[in-house]
Amino acid sequence: MTKIPEFIDTYSDDLLYLIDLRDSHLTHPGKNIYQPLFHASLARIFCAFMVGSIEAMIENWKDKDNNNILAPYFAQSSNVDRINALIINFKTNEIEIDENILKQYLAIKYVRNTIIHSNWNENQKEFITRMGFPTDTRNLNENHLQIMYSVNIEMMKYIASIEHKEFSQFKFNNKLPDYKRYFTKKQLLGFLWNNLERIDSEIYNGNEITDAIIEEAIFDWNIFKNIALSNRINFDKLDEYTLTLQKVISDKKYSVIPIGFLNLEKIKLDSEESSKILENLEKILTLSKSEIIPFIEAFIEGEKSYNIMINISISSLLKKLSIVKPTINGTQISKEAELAEKIFNLGQLYYNYAEKR
């Protein structure tokens, strides 16, 4: 397994948890949140960790930088000069960038330094304002958080592109996840999952598997399956997708760069530009052109499976129940257990590919 550098790993986790916190906090049915205060606070924290994350990535990637593209970031010069030199280097090396992203990053770094040191640099305020940020951190809002989120992802893309410049041509998902300010079926799925985990835990701890327990578990499972799986996972192709990912992993045909941020579902391979897209994907995925579409389909389905079947609890529970009572209220539990296990295993293959296991 490829060892991920400590701070690349921890900063990534911290930023992901902050975004998860945003969703769970704002949609919590038992909380009343004053959003301006919450978003200002979240933006301040995100800002600090985001700059740390980008700088850790730059430090880690400098050993892969054969063309010294990132060298200006380590130069003894002003922040403005370093960012401007980076812009020139990216362009000279044919890496597609948006100059404004790097300038926004610089403004975010200024705001981050202000927060860390509790002191504004008066000489930086005009530039910070010009880049769309306030000069009072209490006035940071959801729009500023969105800019930070987008800049973070685009900067990661630019840095990763020093190895494979084709990477910069792909569009990433750089929008904050949507959330609803009311109770949703997604939260219902969380409650159902937690309840099934608790039933599994009760059985693991030696409690008897009664008809009442089985009825509760299958009731929860059927609702969970109908909401989370039936309209999202292609049950008929699970075996095909599993074989595709198994082969790619056994052949160790891993992508040369992380592809988690690529919006694979929106890549159109039937357009006039499909030949160029396939050519770039061939380099990134280290697959032949005939393997690319089956892989993308399996990868997308695997990612969905991984995000839904987050651990083996439900699969394990259904297996135990099927031994005690194969059928209940018209549900053939053994088939449900087999389905849950297939989805879980496909999700694990996605994870193994992403982690190069």
Protein backbone atom coordinates (compact mmCIF):
# COMPACT_ATOMS: atom_id res chain seq x y z
CA MET A 1 0.00 0.00 0.00
CA THR A 2 1.27 3.51 -0.84
CA LYS A 3 2.00 5.42 2.36
CA ILE A 4 0.26 8.80 2.42
CA PRO A 5 2.38 11.56 4.01
CA GLU A 6 1.13 12.44 7.50
CA PHE A 7 0.05 16.04 6.95
CA ILE A 8 -1.43 15.44 3.49
CA ASP A 9 -3.58 12.79 5.18
CA THR A 10 -4.52 14.72 8.33
CA TYR A 11 -5.31 18.04 6.64
CA SER A 12 -7.47 16.20 4.12
CA ASP A 13 -9.38 14.49 6.94
CA ASP A 14 -9.79 17.75 8.87
CA LEU A 15 -11.25 19.60 5.87
CA LEU A 16 -13.63 16.74 5.06
CA TYR A 17 -14.85 16.64 8.66
CA LEU A 18 -15.43 20.39 8.63
CA ILE A 19 -17.69 20.08 5.58
CA ASP A 20 -19.50 17.13 7.18
CA LEU A 21 -19.94 19.27 10.31
CA ARG A 22 -21.51 22.01 8.21
CA ASP A 23 -24.13 19.61 6.85
CA SER A 24 -24.93 17.83 10.13
CA HIS A 25 -24.99 21.04 12.18
CA LEU A 26 -27.21 23.06 9.88
CA THR A 27 -29.68 20.22 9.28
CA HIS A 28 -29.87 18.92 12.85
CA PRO A 29 -33.58 18.75 13.77
CA GLY A 30 -32.87 19.67 17.39
CA LYS A 31 -30.69 22.73 16.80
CA ASN A 32 -31.51 26.34 16.02
CA ILE A 33 -28.50 27.85 14.27
CA TYR A 34 -27.81 31.51 13.58
CA GLN A 35 -26.20 30.92 10.21
CA PRO A 36 -24.12 34.14 9.87
CA LEU A 37 -22.18 33.35 13.06
CA PHE A 38 -21.81 29.68 12.18
CA HIS A 39 -20.55 30.27 8.64
CA ALA A 40 -18.13 32.97 9.77
CA SER A 41 -16.68 30.58 12.34
CA LEU A 42 -16.50 27.68 9.91
CA ALA A 43 -14.83 29.85 7.24
CA ARG A 44 -12.17 30.98 9.74
CA ILE A 45 -11.34 27.39 10.69
CA PHE A 46 -11.48 26.13 7.08
CA CYS A 47 -9.22 28.97 5.98
CA ALA A 48 -6.50 28.05 8.49
CA PHE A 49 -6.50 24.34 7.70
CA MET A 50 -6.85 24.86 3.95
CA VAL A 51 -3.64 26.91 3.66
CA GLY A 52 -1.82 24.33 5.78
CA SER A 53 -3.10 21.60 3.46
CA ILE A 54 -1.95 23.36 0.27
CA GLU A 55 1.46 24.17 1.70
CA ALA A 56 1.91 20.56 2.83
CA MET A 57 1.03 19.40 -0.68
CA ILE A 58 3.48 21.85 -2.28
CA GLU A 59 6.21 20.66 0.08
CA ASN A 60 5.46 17.02 -0.72
CA TRP A 61 5.25 17.55 -4.49
CA LYS A 62 8.53 19.45 -4.84
CA ASP A 63 10.42 16.15 -5.10
CA LYS A 64 8.25 15.24 -8.12
CA ASP A 65 8.73 18.65 -9.73
CA ASN A 66 11.24 17.90 -12.48
CA ASN A 67 10.64 21.28 -14.16
CA ASN A 68 10.96 23.38 -10.98
CA ILE A 69 7.46 24.75 -11.47
CA LEU A 70 6.90 25.11 -7.72
CA ALA A 71 10.35 26.54 -6.99
CA PRO A 72 9.10 30.16 -6.61
CA TYR A 73 7.02 29.13 -3.59
CA PHE A 74 10.23 28.41 -1.69
CA ALA A 75 12.04 31.57 -2.84
CA GLN A 76 13.06 34.32 -0.44
CA SER A 77 10.72 36.94 -1.85
CA SER A 78 7.33 38.49 -1.16
CA ASN A 79 4.12 36.44 -1.29
CA VAL A 80 2.95 38.49 -4.27
CA ASP A 81 6.14 37.83 -6.23
CA ARG A 82 6.01 34.12 -5.45
CA ILE A 83 2.40 33.76 -6.60
CA ASN A 84 3.07 35.75 -9.79
CA ALA A 85 6.11 33.59 -10.55
CA LEU A 86 4.01 30.46 -9.98
CA ILE A 87 1.43 31.71 -12.45
CA ILE A 88 4.14 32.24 -15.08
CA ASN A 89 5.66 28.80 -14.42
CA PHE A 90 2.33 27.01 -14.70
CA LYS A 91 1.58 28.70 -18.01
CA THR A 92 5.09 28.17 -19.38
CA ASN A 93 4.70 24.45 -18.69
CA GLU A 94 1.29 24.35 -20.42
CA ILE A 95 -0.68 23.66 -17.22
CA GLU A 96 -4.14 25.17 -17.61
CA ILE A 97 -4.89 27.50 -14.71
CA ASP A 98 -7.18 30.34 -13.75
CA GLU A 99 -4.93 33.18 -12.53
CA ASN A 100 -7.70 34.41 -10.27
CA ILE A 101 -7.58 31.14 -8.30
CA LEU A 102 -3.96 31.72 -7.33
CA LYS A 103 -4.67 35.35 -6.42
CA GLN A 104 -7.65 34.28 -4.32
CA TYR A 105 -5.39 31.73 -2.65
CA LEU A 106 -2.98 34.52 -1.76
CA ALA A 107 -5.83 36.57 -0.26
CA ILE A 108 -6.97 33.53 1.73
CA LYS A 109 -3.42 33.07 3.00
CA TYR A 110 -3.40 36.71 4.14
CA VAL A 111 -6.70 36.18 5.96
CA ARG A 112 -5.33 32.96 7.47
CA ASN A 113 -2.22 34.78 8.74
CA THR A 114 -4.45 37.45 10.23
CA ILE A 115 -6.48 34.83 12.09
CA ILE A 116 -3.41 32.92 13.34
CA HIS A 117 -1.59 36.06 14.52
CA SER A 118 -4.71 38.03 15.57
CA ASN A 119 -3.47 41.07 13.70
CA TRP A 120 -4.24 42.69 10.32
CA ASN A 121 -1.47 43.78 7.99
CA GLU A 122 -2.71 47.13 6.74
CA ASN A 123 -0.72 46.80 3.51
CA GLN A 124 -2.67 43.68 2.55
CA LYS A 125 -6.21 44.93 3.16
CA GLU A 126 -6.75 46.51 -0.27
CA PHE A 127 -5.75 43.28 -2.04
CA ILE A 128 -7.93 41.16 0.27
CA THR A 129 -10.93 43.39 -0.48
CA ARG A 130 -10.22 43.31 -4.22
CA MET A 131 -10.26 39.49 -4.09
CA GLY A 132 -13.74 39.55 -2.53
CA PHE A 133 -12.95 38.95 1.14
CA PRO A 134 -13.83 41.18 4.13
CA THR A 135 -11.28 42.87 6.33
CA ASP A 136 -13.19 41.88 9.43
CA THR A 137 -13.21 38.10 9.91
CA ARG A 138 -16.61 38.32 11.63
CA ASN A 139 -18.03 39.19 8.21
CA LEU A 140 -16.91 36.00 6.50
CA ASN A 141 -19.98 34.18 5.15
CA GLU A 142 -21.11 31.14 3.19
CA ASN A 143 -20.02 32.68 -0.13
CA HIS A 144 -16.49 33.13 1.20
CA LEU A 145 -16.50 29.53 2.42
CA GLN A 146 -17.52 28.45 -1.09
CA ILE A 147 -14.62 30.40 -2.61
CA MET A 148 -12.18 28.79 -0.15
CA TYR A 149 -13.56 25.33 -0.89
CA SER A 150 -13.25 25.85 -4.64
CA VAL A 151 -9.79 27.41 -4.46
CA ASN A 152 -8.57 24.53 -2.30
CA ILE A 153 -9.65 21.93 -4.87
CA GLU A 154 -8.35 23.89 -7.87
CA MET A 155 -4.99 24.50 -6.21
CA MET A 156 -4.65 20.78 -5.51
CA LYS A 157 -5.39 20.11 -9.16
CA TYR A 158 -2.74 22.58 -10.35
CA ILE A 159 -0.10 21.12 -8.03
CA ALA A 160 -0.89 17.54 -9.06
CA SER A 161 -0.64 18.63 -12.71
CA ILE A 162 3.11 19.22 -12.46
CA GLU A 163 3.49 15.45 -12.99
CA HIS A 164 0.76 15.08 -15.62
CA LYS A 165 -0.30 18.35 -17.21
CA GLU A 166 -3.35 16.66 -18.82
CA PHE A 167 -4.84 16.51 -15.33
CA SER A 168 -5.38 20.29 -15.38
CA GLN A 169 -7.80 19.96 -18.32
CA PHE A 170 -10.42 18.05 -16.31
CA LYS A 171 -13.21 19.75 -14.39
CA PHE A 172 -13.42 18.92 -10.69
CA ASN A 173 -16.38 18.99 -8.34
CA ASN A 174 -15.54 22.24 -6.59
CA LYS A 175 -18.94 23.27 -5.21
CA LEU A 176 -19.84 22.89 -1.56
CA PRO A 177 -22.28 20.01 -1.03
CA ASP A 178 -25.89 21.15 -0.96
CA TYR A 179 -27.84 20.86 2.26
CA LYS A 180 -31.46 21.30 3.27
CA ARG A 181 -32.47 23.20 6.39
CA TYR A 182 -35.02 20.54 7.30
CA PHE A 183 -35.15 16.82 8.04
CA THR A 184 -34.44 14.77 4.91
CA LYS A 185 -34.46 11.16 3.81
CA LYS A 186 -30.66 11.21 4.03
CA GLN A 187 -30.96 11.72 7.77
CA LEU A 188 -33.61 9.02 7.89
CA LEU A 189 -31.12 6.67 6.23
CA GLY A 190 -28.62 7.50 8.95
CA PHE A 191 -31.12 6.63 11.66
CA LEU A 192 -32.06 3.36 9.92
CA TRP A 193 -28.40 2.41 9.51
CA ASN A 194 -27.63 3.18 13.16
CA ASN A 195 -30.62 1.12 14.28
CA LEU A 196 -29.51 -1.87 12.19
CA GLU A 197 -26.00 -1.55 13.62
CA ARG A 198 -27.45 -1.59 17.13
CA ILE A 199 -29.48 -4.72 16.38
CA ASP A 200 -26.33 -6.37 15.02
CA SER A 201 -24.45 -5.34 18.16
CA GLU A 202 -27.19 -6.78 20.39
CA ILE A 203 -26.92 -10.13 18.60
CA TYR A 204 -23.11 -10.00 18.71
CA ASN A 205 -23.32 -9.54 22.49
CA GLY A 206 -25.31 -12.74 22.82
CA ASN A 207 -28.95 -11.64 22.77
CA GLU A 208 -31.39 -14.11 21.28
CA ILE A 209 -32.55 -13.55 17.69
CA THR A 210 -36.31 -13.39 18.18
CA ASP A 211 -39.05 -12.93 15.58
CA ALA A 212 -39.54 -9.40 16.92
CA ILE A 213 -35.88 -8.54 16.29
CA ILE A 214 -36.02 -10.05 12.80
CA GLU A 215 -39.19 -8.11 11.92
CA GLU A 216 -37.68 -4.84 13.12
CA ALA A 217 -34.44 -5.44 11.22
CA ILE A 218 -36.13 -6.43 7.94
CA PHE A 219 -38.55 -3.50 8.22
CA ASP A 220 -35.62 -1.10 8.57
CA TRP A 221 -33.62 -2.85 5.82
CA ASN A 222 -36.47 -2.70 3.30
CA ILE A 223 -36.95 1.03 3.86
CA PHE A 224 -33.18 1.59 3.66
CA LYS A 225 -32.90 -0.44 0.46
CA ASN A 226 -35.85 1.31 -1.21
CA ILE A 227 -34.52 4.78 -0.42
CA ALA A 228 -30.75 4.34 -0.71
CA LEU A 229 -30.21 1.48 -3.14
CA SER A 230 -33.09 0.65 -5.49
CA ASN A 231 -32.85 3.83 -7.58
CA ARG A 232 -29.10 4.30 -7.29
CA ILE A 233 -27.38 0.93 -7.59
CA ASN A 234 -27.70 -1.28 -10.67
CA PHE A 235 -28.31 -4.64 -8.97
CA ASP A 236 -28.14 -6.54 -12.28
CA LYS A 237 -24.57 -5.42 -13.02
CA LEU A 238 -22.99 -5.86 -9.59
CA ASP A 239 -21.12 -9.01 -10.63
CA GLU A 240 -19.85 -7.36 -13.83
CA TYR A 241 -18.65 -4.24 -11.99
CA THR A 242 -16.99 -6.38 -9.33
CA LEU A 243 -15.03 -8.39 -11.91
CA THR A 244 -13.93 -5.18 -13.67
CA LEU A 245 -12.51 -3.61 -10.51
CA GLN A 246 -11.01 -6.90 -9.34
CA LYS A 247 -9.07 -7.23 -12.60
CA VAL A 248 -7.79 -3.64 -12.53
CA ILE A 249 -6.62 -4.09 -8.94
CA SER A 250 -5.07 -7.53 -9.48
CA ASP A 251 -3.19 -6.14 -12.52
CA LYS A 252 -2.18 -3.11 -10.41
CA LYS A 253 -3.38 -0.73 -13.13
CA TYR A 254 -3.84 2.22 -10.80
CA SER A 255 -4.33 5.80 -11.93
CA VAL A 256 -1.16 7.85 -11.86
CA ILE A 257 -2.92 10.60 -9.89
CA PRO A 258 -5.86 10.65 -7.45
CA ILE A 259 -9.12 10.66 -9.45
CA GLY A 260 -11.60 11.07 -6.59
CA PHE A 261 -12.28 14.72 -7.46
CA LEU A 262 -12.84 14.02 -11.15
CA ASN A 263 -16.48 14.32 -12.12
CA LEU A 264 -16.47 11.01 -14.00
CA GLU A 265 -20.26 10.89 -14.33
CA LYS A 266 -20.19 14.04 -16.47
CA ILE A 267 -17.41 12.99 -18.81
CA LYS A 268 -19.02 12.66 -22.23
CA LEU A 269 -17.27 10.06 -24.37
CA ASP A 270 -19.71 10.38 -27.25
CA SER A 271 -18.88 13.99 -28.07
CA GLU A 272 -16.63 15.46 -30.76
CA GLU A 273 -13.87 15.75 -28.17
CA SER A 274 -14.19 12.13 -27.03
CA SER A 275 -10.99 11.03 -28.79
CA LYS A 276 -8.94 13.65 -26.91
CA ILE A 277 -10.69 12.82 -23.63
CA LEU A 278 -10.00 9.10 -24.10
CA GLU A 279 -6.38 9.86 -24.91
CA ASN A 280 -5.97 11.86 -21.68
CA LEU A 281 -7.82 9.24 -19.63
CA GLU A 282 -5.61 6.53 -21.13
CA LYS A 283 -2.56 8.30 -19.69
CA ILE A 284 -4.13 9.05 -16.31
CA LEU A 285 -5.82 5.69 -15.72
CA THR A 286 -3.06 3.55 -17.30
CA LEU A 287 -5.76 1.56 -19.11
CA SER A 288 -6.34 0.78 -22.76
CA LYS A 289 -9.14 2.70 -24.50
CA SER A 290 -11.37 -0.39 -24.54
CA GLU A 291 -11.00 -0.72 -20.74
CA ILE A 292 -11.79 2.90 -19.88
CA ILE A 293 -15.61 2.98 -20.18
CA PRO A 294 -16.18 -0.32 -18.28
CA PHE A 295 -13.77 0.90 -15.60
CA ILE A 296 -15.47 4.30 -15.24
CA GLU A 297 -18.89 2.64 -14.92
CA ALA A 298 -17.57 0.20 -12.29
CA PHE A 299 -15.68 2.95 -10.44
CA ILE A 300 -18.77 5.19 -10.25
CA GLU A 301 -20.93 2.30 -9.01
CA GLY A 302 -18.23 1.28 -6.55
CA GLU A 303 -18.01 4.79 -5.14
CA LYS A 304 -21.77 4.91 -4.64
CA SER A 305 -21.68 1.49 -2.98
CA TYR A 306 -18.84 2.55 -0.69
CA ASN A 307 -20.66 5.71 0.40
CA ILE A 308 -23.90 3.82 1.12
CA MET A 309 -22.61 0.55 2.63
CA ILE A 310 -20.13 2.16 4.99
CA ASN A 311 -19.25 -1.07 6.82
CA ILE A 312 -20.10 -4.77 6.92
CA SER A 313 -22.70 -4.52 9.73
CA ILE A 314 -25.86 -4.83 7.61
CA SER A 315 -24.46 -7.65 5.48
CA SER A 316 -23.36 -9.47 8.63
CA LEU A 317 -26.72 -8.92 10.34
CA LEU A 318 -28.79 -10.19 7.40
CA LYS A 319 -26.65 -13.34 7.19
CA LYS A 320 -27.29 -14.10 10.87
CA LEU A 321 -31.01 -13.49 10.49
CA SER A 322 -31.28 -15.70 7.37
CA ILE A 323 -29.88 -18.67 9.29
CA VAL A 324 -32.55 -18.36 11.98
CA LYS A 325 -35.45 -17.50 9.66
CA PRO A 326 -34.92 -17.74 5.89
CA THR A 327 -38.16 -15.89 5.05
CA ILE A 328 -40.33 -13.39 6.90
CA ASN A 329 -43.39 -11.49 5.66
CA GLY A 330 -42.57 -12.38 2.06
CA THR A 331 -38.93 -11.27 2.26
CA GLN A 332 -36.34 -13.95 1.43
CA ILE A 333 -33.66 -12.90 3.88
CA SER A 334 -30.87 -15.00 2.33
CA LYS A 335 -31.23 -13.12 -0.99
CA GLU A 336 -31.21 -9.78 0.83
CA ALA A 337 -28.04 -10.86 2.65
CA GLU A 338 -26.41 -11.82 -0.66
CA LEU A 339 -27.35 -8.46 -2.22
CA ALA A 340 -26.02 -6.48 0.76
CA GLU A 341 -22.76 -8.42 0.67
CA LYS A 342 -22.27 -7.81 -3.06
CA ILE A 343 -22.81 -4.07 -2.66
CA PHE A 344 -20.47 -3.94 0.33
CA ASN A 345 -17.76 -5.90 -1.53
CA LEU A 346 -18.02 -3.63 -4.58
CA GLY A 347 -17.59 -0.61 -2.31
CA GLN A 348 -14.50 -2.18 -0.77
CA LEU A 349 -13.01 -2.73 -4.21
CA TYR A 350 -13.52 0.97 -4.95
CA TYR A 351 -11.75 1.78 -1.66
CA ASN A 352 -8.91 -0.65 -2.40
CA TYR A 353 -8.42 0.93 -5.82
CA ALA A 354 -8.47 4.47 -4.37
CA GLU A 355 -5.93 3.47 -1.69
CA LYS A 356 -3.87 1.34 -4.16
CA ARG A 357 -4.19 -1.71 -1.93
